[in-house]
């Protein structure tokens, strides 16, 4: 899940851009096969 976020929106060259930083707690374990 996402715990908190810091976001900022700006208009640039005909676009709306949003920059954000997000603090999360998530599962990072990933299975990798190994050689015997």
ModelCIF file with pLDDT and N, C-alpha, C, O atoms, coordinates in Angstrom:
data_MODEL
#
_entry.id   MODEL 
#
_entity.id                         1 
_entity.type                       polymer 
_entity.pdbx_number_of_molecules   1 
#
_entity_poly.entity_id                      1 
_entity_poly.type                           'polypeptide(L)' 
_entity_poly.nstd_linkage                   no 
_entity_poly.nstd_monomer                   no 
_entity_poly.pdbx_seq_one_letter_code       
;(UNK)(UNK)(UNK)(UNK)(UNK)(UNK)(UNK)(UNK)(UNK)(UNK)(UNK)(UNK)(UNK)(UNK)(UNK)(UNK)
(UNK)(UNK)(UNK)(UNK)(UNK)(UNK)(UNK)(UNK)(UNK)(UNK)(UNK)(UNK)(UNK)(UNK)(UNK)(UNK)
(UNK)(UNK)(UNK)(UNK)
;
_entity_poly.pdbx_seq_one_letter_code_can   XXXXXXXXXXXXXXXXXXXXXXXXXXXXXXXXXXXX 
_entity_poly.pdbx_strand_id                 A 
#
loop_
_entity_poly_seq.entity_id 
_entity_poly_seq.num 
_entity_poly_seq.mon_id 
_entity_poly_seq.hetero 
1 1  UNK n 
1 2  UNK n 
1 3  UNK n 
1 4  UNK n 
1 5  UNK n 
1 6  UNK n 
1 7  UNK n 
1 8  UNK n 
1 9  UNK n 
1 10 UNK n 
1 11 UNK n 
1 12 UNK n 
1 13 UNK n 
1 14 UNK n 
1 15 UNK n 
1 16 UNK n 
1 17 UNK n 
1 18 UNK n 
1 19 UNK n 
1 20 UNK n 
1 21 UNK n 
1 22 UNK n 
1 23 UNK n 
1 24 UNK n 
1 25 UNK n 
1 26 UNK n 
1 27 UNK n 
1 28 UNK n 
1 29 UNK n 
1 30 UNK n 
1 31 UNK n 
1 32 UNK n 
1 33 UNK n 
1 34 UNK n 
1 35 UNK n 
1 36 UNK n 
#
_struct_asym.id          A 
_struct_asym.entity_id   1 
#
loop_
_ma_qa_metric.id 
_ma_qa_metric.mode 
_ma_qa_metric.name 
_ma_qa_metric.software_group_id 
_ma_qa_metric.type 
1 global pLDDT . pLDDT 
2 local  pLDDT . pLDDT 
#
_ma_qa_metric_global.metric_id      1 
_ma_qa_metric_global.metric_value   81.56 
_ma_qa_metric_global.model_id       1 
_ma_qa_metric_global.ordinal_id     1 
#
loop_
_ma_qa_metric_local.label_asym_id 
_ma_qa_metric_local.label_comp_id 
_ma_qa_metric_local.label_seq_id 
_ma_qa_metric_local.metric_id 
_ma_qa_metric_local.metric_value 
_ma_qa_metric_local.model_id 
_ma_qa_metric_local.ordinal_id 
A UNK 1  2 84.00 1 1  
A UNK 2  2 85.00 1 2  
A UNK 3  2 85.00 1 3  
A UNK 4  2 85.00 1 4  
A UNK 5  2 84.00 1 5  
A UNK 6  2 86.00 1 6  
A UNK 7  2 82.00 1 7  
A UNK 8  2 82.00 1 8  
A UNK 9  2 79.00 1 9  
A UNK 10 2 77.00 1 10 
A UNK 11 2 76.00 1 11 
A UNK 12 2 74.00 1 12 
A UNK 13 2 75.00 1 13 
A UNK 14 2 73.00 1 14 
A UNK 15 2 78.00 1 15 
A UNK 16 2 79.00 1 16 
A UNK 17 2 83.00 1 17 
A UNK 18 2 80.00 1 18 
A UNK 19 2 86.00 1 19 
A UNK 20 2 85.00 1 20 
A UNK 21 2 89.00 1 21 
A UNK 22 2 86.00 1 22 
A UNK 23 2 88.00 1 23 
A UNK 24 2 89.00 1 24 
A UNK 25 2 86.00 1 25 
A UNK 26 2 88.00 1 26 
A UNK 27 2 86.00 1 27 
A UNK 28 2 85.00 1 28 
A UNK 29 2 84.00 1 29 
A UNK 30 2 81.00 1 30 
A UNK 31 2 83.00 1 31 
A UNK 32 2 84.00 1 32 
A UNK 33 2 81.00 1 33 
A UNK 34 2 75.00 1 34 
A UNK 35 2 70.00 1 35 
A UNK 36 2 63.00 1 36 
#
loop_
_atom_site.group_PDB 
_atom_site.id 
_atom_site.type_symbol 
_atom_site.label_atom_id 
_atom_site.label_alt_id 
_atom_site.label_comp_id 
_atom_site.label_asym_id 
_atom_site.label_entity_id 
_atom_site.label_seq_id 
_atom_site.pdbx_PDB_ins_code 
_atom_site.Cartn_x 
_atom_site.Cartn_y 
_atom_site.Cartn_z 
_atom_site.occupancy 
_atom_site.B_iso_or_equiv 
_atom_site.pdbx_formal_charge 
_atom_site.auth_seq_id 
_atom_site.auth_comp_id 
_atom_site.auth_asym_id 
_atom_site.auth_atom_id 
_atom_site.pdbx_PDB_model_num 
ATOM 1   N N  . UNK A 1 1  ? 0.829  -1.184  0.000   1.00 84.00 ? 1  UNK A N  1 
ATOM 2   C CA . UNK A 1 1  ? 0.000  0.000   0.000   1.00 84.00 ? 1  UNK A CA 1 
ATOM 3   C C  . UNK A 1 1  ? 0.873  1.246   0.000   1.00 84.00 ? 1  UNK A C  1 
ATOM 4   O O  . UNK A 1 1  ? 2.061  1.199   0.317   1.00 84.00 ? 1  UNK A O  1 
ATOM 5   N N  . UNK A 1 2  ? 0.239  2.378   -0.370  1.00 85.00 ? 2  UNK A N  1 
ATOM 6   C CA . UNK A 1 2  ? 0.920  3.669   -0.375  1.00 85.00 ? 2  UNK A CA 1 
ATOM 7   C C  . UNK A 1 2  ? 0.628  4.356   0.957   1.00 85.00 ? 2  UNK A C  1 
ATOM 8   O O  . UNK A 1 2  ? -0.530 4.529   1.335   1.00 85.00 ? 2  UNK A O  1 
ATOM 9   N N  . UNK A 1 3  ? 1.682  4.742   1.658   1.00 85.00 ? 3  UNK A N  1 
ATOM 10  C CA . UNK A 1 3  ? 1.519  5.393   2.959   1.00 85.00 ? 3  UNK A CA 1 
ATOM 11  C C  . UNK A 1 3  ? 1.289  6.889   2.813   1.00 85.00 ? 3  UNK A C  1 
ATOM 12  O O  . UNK A 1 3  ? 0.362  7.422   3.424   1.00 85.00 ? 3  UNK A O  1 
ATOM 13  N N  . UNK A 1 4  ? 2.094  7.579   2.031   1.00 85.00 ? 4  UNK A N  1 
ATOM 14  C CA . UNK A 1 4  ? 1.949  9.015   1.828   1.00 85.00 ? 4  UNK A CA 1 
ATOM 15  C C  . UNK A 1 4  ? 2.537  9.392   0.480   1.00 85.00 ? 4  UNK A C  1 
ATOM 16  O O  . UNK A 1 4  ? 3.302  8.636   -0.118  1.00 85.00 ? 4  UNK A O  1 
ATOM 17  N N  . UNK A 1 5  ? 2.161  10.582  0.013   1.00 84.00 ? 5  UNK A N  1 
ATOM 18  C CA . UNK A 1 5  ? 2.650  11.048  -1.268  1.00 84.00 ? 5  UNK A CA 1 
ATOM 19  C C  . UNK A 1 5  ? 2.883  12.544  -1.221  1.00 84.00 ? 5  UNK A C  1 
ATOM 20  O O  . UNK A 1 5  ? 2.228  13.267  -0.471  1.00 84.00 ? 5  UNK A O  1 
ATOM 21  N N  . UNK A 1 6  ? 3.825  12.996  -2.033  1.00 86.00 ? 6  UNK A N  1 
ATOM 22  C CA . UNK A 1 6  ? 4.102  14.413  -2.238  1.00 86.00 ? 6  UNK A CA 1 
ATOM 23  C C  . UNK A 1 6  ? 4.019  14.673  -3.741  1.00 86.00 ? 6  UNK A C  1 
ATOM 24  O O  . UNK A 1 6  ? 4.821  14.149  -4.514  1.00 86.00 ? 6  UNK A O  1 
ATOM 25  N N  . UNK A 1 7  ? 3.037  15.491  -4.148  1.00 82.00 ? 7  UNK A N  1 
ATOM 26  C CA . UNK A 1 7  ? 2.762  15.692  -5.568  1.00 82.00 ? 7  UNK A CA 1 
ATOM 27  C C  . UNK A 1 7  ? 2.741  17.177  -5.891  1.00 82.00 ? 7  UNK A C  1 
ATOM 28  O O  . UNK A 1 7  ? 2.365  18.013  -5.069  1.00 82.00 ? 7  UNK A O  1 
ATOM 29  N N  . UNK A 1 8  ? 3.158  17.478  -7.122  1.00 82.00 ? 8  UNK A N  1 
ATOM 30  C CA . UNK A 1 8  ? 3.139  18.860  -7.620  1.00 82.00 ? 8  UNK A CA 1 
ATOM 31  C C  . UNK A 1 8  ? 2.738  18.822  -9.085  1.00 82.00 ? 8  UNK A C  1 
ATOM 32  O O  . UNK A 1 8  ? 3.241  18.003  -9.854  1.00 82.00 ? 8  UNK A O  1 
ATOM 33  N N  . UNK A 1 9  ? 1.816  19.726  -9.474  1.00 79.00 ? 9  UNK A N  1 
ATOM 34  C CA . UNK A 1 9  ? 1.294  19.766  -10.840 1.00 79.00 ? 9  UNK A CA 1 
ATOM 35  C C  . UNK A 1 9  ? 1.684  21.077  -11.488 1.00 79.00 ? 9  UNK A C  1 
ATOM 36  O O  . UNK A 1 9  ? 1.629  22.132  -10.855 1.00 79.00 ? 9  UNK A O  1 
ATOM 37  N N  . UNK A 1 10 ? 2.085  21.011  -12.769 1.00 77.00 ? 10 UNK A N  1 
ATOM 38  C CA . UNK A 1 10 ? 2.490  22.208  -13.516 1.00 77.00 ? 10 UNK A CA 1 
ATOM 39  C C  . UNK A 1 10 ? 2.082  22.040  -14.971 1.00 77.00 ? 10 UNK A C  1 
ATOM 40  O O  . UNK A 1 10 ? 1.951  20.923  -15.471 1.00 77.00 ? 10 UNK A O  1 
ATOM 41  N N  . UNK A 1 11 ? 1.883  23.180  -15.647 1.00 76.00 ? 11 UNK A N  1 
ATOM 42  C CA . UNK A 1 11 ? 1.546  23.200  -17.073 1.00 76.00 ? 11 UNK A CA 1 
ATOM 43  C C  . UNK A 1 11 ? 2.797  23.515  -17.869 1.00 76.00 ? 11 UNK A C  1 
ATOM 44  O O  . UNK A 1 11 ? 3.448  24.533  -17.630 1.00 76.00 ? 11 UNK A O  1 
ATOM 45  N N  . UNK A 1 12 ? 3.142  22.642  -18.822 1.00 74.00 ? 12 UNK A N  1 
ATOM 46  C CA . UNK A 1 12 ? 4.362  22.815  -19.600 1.00 74.00 ? 12 UNK A CA 1 
ATOM 47  C C  . UNK A 1 12 ? 4.094  22.445  -21.056 1.00 74.00 ? 12 UNK A C  1 
ATOM 48  O O  . UNK A 1 12 ? 3.735  21.308  -21.363 1.00 74.00 ? 12 UNK A O  1 
ATOM 49  N N  . UNK A 1 13 ? 4.278  23.438  -21.966 1.00 75.00 ? 13 UNK A N  1 
ATOM 50  C CA . UNK A 1 13 ? 4.214  23.197  -23.413 1.00 75.00 ? 13 UNK A CA 1 
ATOM 51  C C  . UNK A 1 13 ? 2.936  22.458  -23.821 1.00 75.00 ? 13 UNK A C  1 
ATOM 52  O O  . UNK A 1 13 ? 2.995  21.467  -24.548 1.00 75.00 ? 13 UNK A O  1 
ATOM 53  N N  . UNK A 1 14 ? 1.799  22.936  -23.358 1.00 73.00 ? 14 UNK A N  1 
ATOM 54  C CA . UNK A 1 14 ? 0.538  22.315  -23.726 1.00 73.00 ? 14 UNK A CA 1 
ATOM 55  C C  . UNK A 1 14 ? 0.246  21.023  -23.018 1.00 73.00 ? 14 UNK A C  1 
ATOM 56  O O  . UNK A 1 14 ? -0.634 20.274  -23.442 1.00 73.00 ? 14 UNK A O  1 
ATOM 57  N N  . UNK A 1 15 ? 0.970  20.735  -21.939 1.00 78.00 ? 15 UNK A N  1 
ATOM 58  C CA . UNK A 1 15 ? 0.766  19.507  -21.176 1.00 78.00 ? 15 UNK A CA 1 
ATOM 59  C C  . UNK A 1 15 ? 0.561  19.841  -19.713 1.00 78.00 ? 15 UNK A C  1 
ATOM 60  O O  . UNK A 1 15 ? 1.043  20.857  -19.213 1.00 78.00 ? 15 UNK A O  1 
ATOM 61  N N  . UNK A 1 16 ? -0.168 18.960  -19.036 1.00 79.00 ? 16 UNK A N  1 
ATOM 62  C CA . UNK A 1 16 ? -0.243 18.998  -17.584 1.00 79.00 ? 16 UNK A CA 1 
ATOM 63  C C  . UNK A 1 16 ? 0.649  17.889  -17.055 1.00 79.00 ? 16 UNK A C  1 
ATOM 64  O O  . UNK A 1 16 ? 0.450  16.719  -17.383 1.00 79.00 ? 16 UNK A O  1 
ATOM 65  N N  . UNK A 1 17 ? 1.639  18.252  -16.232 1.00 83.00 ? 17 UNK A N  1 
ATOM 66  C CA . UNK A 1 17 ? 2.587  17.277  -15.702 1.00 83.00 ? 17 UNK A CA 1 
ATOM 67  C C  . UNK A 1 17 ? 2.475  17.248  -14.177 1.00 83.00 ? 17 UNK A C  1 
ATOM 68  O O  . UNK A 1 17 ? 2.389  18.282  -13.515 1.00 83.00 ? 17 UNK A O  1 
ATOM 69  N N  . UNK A 1 18 ? 2.480  16.056  -13.664 1.00 80.00 ? 18 UNK A N  1 
ATOM 70  C CA . UNK A 1 18 ? 2.457  15.878  -12.218 1.00 80.00 ? 18 UNK A CA 1 
ATOM 71  C C  . UNK A 1 18 ? 3.679  15.078  -11.795 1.00 80.00 ? 18 UNK A C  1 
ATOM 72  O O  . UNK A 1 18 ? 3.935  13.993  -12.318 1.00 80.00 ? 18 UNK A O  1 
ATOM 73  N N  . UNK A 1 19 ? 4.429  15.619  -10.850 1.00 86.00 ? 19 UNK A N  1 
ATOM 74  C CA . UNK A 1 19 ? 5.606  14.951  -10.301 1.00 86.00 ? 19 UNK A CA 1 
ATOM 75  C C  . UNK A 1 19 ? 5.257  14.524  -8.878  1.00 86.00 ? 19 UNK A C  1 
ATOM 76  O O  . UNK A 1 19 ? 4.715  15.309  -8.100  1.00 86.00 ? 19 UNK A O  1 
ATOM 77  N N  . UNK A 1 20 ? 5.569  13.290  -8.550  1.00 85.00 ? 20 UNK A N  1 
ATOM 78  C CA . UNK A 1 20 ? 5.213  12.804  -7.234  1.00 85.00 ? 20 UNK A CA 1 
ATOM 79  C C  . UNK A 1 20 ? 6.238  11.846  -6.659  1.00 85.00 ? 20 UNK A C  1 
ATOM 80  O O  . UNK A 1 20 ? 6.905  11.103  -7.378  1.00 85.00 ? 20 UNK A O  1 
ATOM 81  N N  . UNK A 1 21 ? 6.343  11.888  -5.332  1.00 89.00 ? 21 UNK A N  1 
ATOM 82  C CA . UNK A 1 21 ? 7.133  10.924  -4.567  1.00 89.00 ? 21 UNK A CA 1 
ATOM 83  C C  . UNK A 1 21 ? 6.187  10.190  -3.634  1.00 89.00 ? 21 UNK A C  1 
ATOM 84  O O  . UNK A 1 21 ? 5.330  10.798  -2.993  1.00 89.00 ? 21 UNK A O  1 
ATOM 85  N N  . UNK A 1 22 ? 6.350  8.872   -3.565  1.00 86.00 ? 22 UNK A N  1 
ATOM 86  C CA . UNK A 1 22 ? 5.404  8.053   -2.828  1.00 86.00 ? 22 UNK A CA 1 
ATOM 87  C C  . UNK A 1 22 ? 6.171  7.123   -1.891  1.00 86.00 ? 22 UNK A C  1 
ATOM 88  O O  . UNK A 1 22 ? 7.074  6.404   -2.318  1.00 86.00 ? 22 UNK A O  1 
ATOM 89  N N  . UNK A 1 23 ? 5.809  7.144   -0.638  1.00 88.00 ? 23 UNK A N  1 
ATOM 90  C CA . UNK A 1 23 ? 6.371  6.232   0.351   1.00 88.00 ? 23 UNK A CA 1 
ATOM 91  C C  . UNK A 1 23 ? 5.418  5.040   0.475   1.00 88.00 ? 23 UNK A C  1 
ATOM 92  O O  . UNK A 1 23 ? 4.224  5.212   0.718   1.00 88.00 ? 23 UNK A O  1 
ATOM 93  N N  . UNK A 1 24 ? 5.956  3.839   0.308   1.00 89.00 ? 24 UNK A N  1 
ATOM 94  C CA . UNK A 1 24 ? 5.110  2.635   0.253   1.00 89.00 ? 24 UNK A CA 1 
ATOM 95  C C  . UNK A 1 24 ? 5.666  1.565   1.167   1.00 89.00 ? 24 UNK A C  1 
ATOM 96  O O  . UNK A 1 24 ? 6.850  1.561   1.504   1.00 89.00 ? 24 UNK A O  1 
ATOM 97  N N  . UNK A 1 25 ? 4.794  0.666   1.559   1.00 86.00 ? 25 UNK A N  1 
ATOM 98  C CA . UNK A 1 25 ? 5.183  -0.612  2.164   1.00 86.00 ? 25 UNK A CA 1 
ATOM 99  C C  . UNK A 1 25 ? 4.694  -1.690  1.207   1.00 86.00 ? 25 UNK A C  1 
ATOM 100 O O  . UNK A 1 25 ? 3.496  -1.803  0.951   1.00 86.00 ? 25 UNK A O  1 
ATOM 101 N N  . UNK A 1 26 ? 5.621  -2.478  0.681   1.00 88.00 ? 26 UNK A N  1 
ATOM 102 C CA . UNK A 1 26 ? 5.255  -3.470  -0.317  1.00 88.00 ? 26 UNK A CA 1 
ATOM 103 C C  . UNK A 1 26 ? 6.137  -4.699  -0.200  1.00 88.00 ? 26 UNK A C  1 
ATOM 104 O O  . UNK A 1 26 ? 7.221  -4.663  0.380   1.00 88.00 ? 26 UNK A O  1 
ATOM 105 N N  . UNK A 1 27 ? 5.634  -5.791  -0.772  1.00 86.00 ? 27 UNK A N  1 
ATOM 106 C CA . UNK A 1 27 ? 6.399  -7.031  -0.802  1.00 86.00 ? 27 UNK A CA 1 
ATOM 107 C C  . UNK A 1 27 ? 7.466  -6.920  -1.884  1.00 86.00 ? 27 UNK A C  1 
ATOM 108 O O  . UNK A 1 27 ? 7.174  -6.663  -3.052  1.00 86.00 ? 27 UNK A O  1 
ATOM 109 N N  . UNK A 1 28 ? 8.724  -7.124  -1.456  1.00 85.00 ? 28 UNK A N  1 
ATOM 110 C CA . UNK A 1 28 ? 9.821  -6.997  -2.414  1.00 85.00 ? 28 UNK A CA 1 
ATOM 111 C C  . UNK A 1 28 ? 10.462 -8.342  -2.722  1.00 85.00 ? 28 UNK A C  1 
ATOM 112 O O  . UNK A 1 28 ? 11.380 -8.408  -3.539  1.00 85.00 ? 28 UNK A O  1 
ATOM 113 N N  . UNK A 1 29 ? 10.002 -9.410  -2.089  1.00 84.00 ? 29 UNK A N  1 
ATOM 114 C CA . UNK A 1 29 ? 10.586 -10.722 -2.344  1.00 84.00 ? 29 UNK A CA 1 
ATOM 115 C C  . UNK A 1 29 ? 10.211 -11.253 -3.712  1.00 84.00 ? 29 UNK A C  1 
ATOM 116 O O  . UNK A 1 29 ? 9.034  -11.281 -4.070  1.00 84.00 ? 29 UNK A O  1 
ATOM 117 N N  . UNK A 1 30 ? 11.193 -11.670 -4.472  1.00 81.00 ? 30 UNK A N  1 
ATOM 118 C CA . UNK A 1 30 ? 10.989 -12.182 -5.830  1.00 81.00 ? 30 UNK A CA 1 
ATOM 119 C C  . UNK A 1 30 ? 11.752 -13.492 -5.973  1.00 81.00 ? 30 UNK A C  1 
ATOM 120 O O  . UNK A 1 30 ? 12.935 -13.567 -5.642  1.00 81.00 ? 30 UNK A O  1 
ATOM 121 N N  . UNK A 1 31 ? 11.065 -14.538 -6.472  1.00 83.00 ? 31 UNK A N  1 
ATOM 122 C CA . UNK A 1 31 ? 11.674 -15.857 -6.595  1.00 83.00 ? 31 UNK A CA 1 
ATOM 123 C C  . UNK A 1 31 ? 12.633 -15.893 -7.774  1.00 83.00 ? 31 UNK A C  1 
ATOM 124 O O  . UNK A 1 31 ? 12.323 -15.406 -8.862  1.00 83.00 ? 31 UNK A O  1 
ATOM 125 N N  . UNK A 1 32 ? 13.829 -16.491 -7.535  1.00 84.00 ? 32 UNK A N  1 
ATOM 126 C CA . UNK A 1 32 ? 14.833 -16.642 -8.589  1.00 84.00 ? 32 UNK A CA 1 
ATOM 127 C C  . UNK A 1 32 ? 15.361 -18.080 -8.553  1.00 84.00 ? 32 UNK A C  1 
ATOM 128 O O  . UNK A 1 32 ? 15.774 -18.567 -7.501  1.00 84.00 ? 32 UNK A O  1 
ATOM 129 N N  . UNK A 1 33 ? 15.345 -18.745 -9.690  1.00 81.00 ? 33 UNK A N  1 
ATOM 130 C CA . UNK A 1 33 ? 15.847 -20.121 -9.767  1.00 81.00 ? 33 UNK A CA 1 
ATOM 131 C C  . UNK A 1 33 ? 17.365 -20.134 -9.640  1.00 81.00 ? 33 UNK A C  1 
ATOM 132 O O  . UNK A 1 33 ? 18.046 -19.233 -10.129 1.00 81.00 ? 33 UNK A O  1 
ATOM 133 N N  . UNK A 1 34 ? 17.891 -21.170 -8.975  1.00 75.00 ? 34 UNK A N  1 
ATOM 134 C CA . UNK A 1 34 ? 19.319 -21.297 -8.752  1.00 75.00 ? 34 UNK A CA 1 
ATOM 135 C C  . UNK A 1 34 ? 19.814 -22.594 -9.363  1.00 75.00 ? 34 UNK A C  1 
ATOM 136 O O  . UNK A 1 34 ? 19.053 -23.544 -9.544  1.00 75.00 ? 34 UNK A O  1 
ATOM 137 N N  . UNK A 1 35 ? 21.096 -22.619 -9.677  1.00 70.00 ? 35 UNK A N  1 
ATOM 138 C CA . UNK A 1 35 ? 21.720 -23.830 -10.170 1.00 70.00 ? 35 UNK A CA 1 
ATOM 139 C C  . UNK A 1 35 ? 22.035 -24.764 -8.996  1.00 70.00 ? 35 UNK A C  1 
ATOM 140 O O  . UNK A 1 35 ? 22.370 -24.316 -7.899  1.00 70.00 ? 35 UNK A O  1 
ATOM 141 N N  . UNK A 1 36 ? 21.921 -26.053 -9.248  1.00 63.00 ? 36 UNK A N  1 
ATOM 142 C CA . UNK A 1 36 ? 22.198 -27.027 -8.213  1.00 63.00 ? 36 UNK A CA 1 
ATOM 143 C C  . UNK A 1 36 ? 23.707 -27.110 -7.965  1.00 63.00 ? 36 UNK A C  1 
ATOM 144 O O  . UNK A 1 36 ? 24.152 -27.885 -7.118  1.00 63.00 ? 36 UNK A O  1 
#
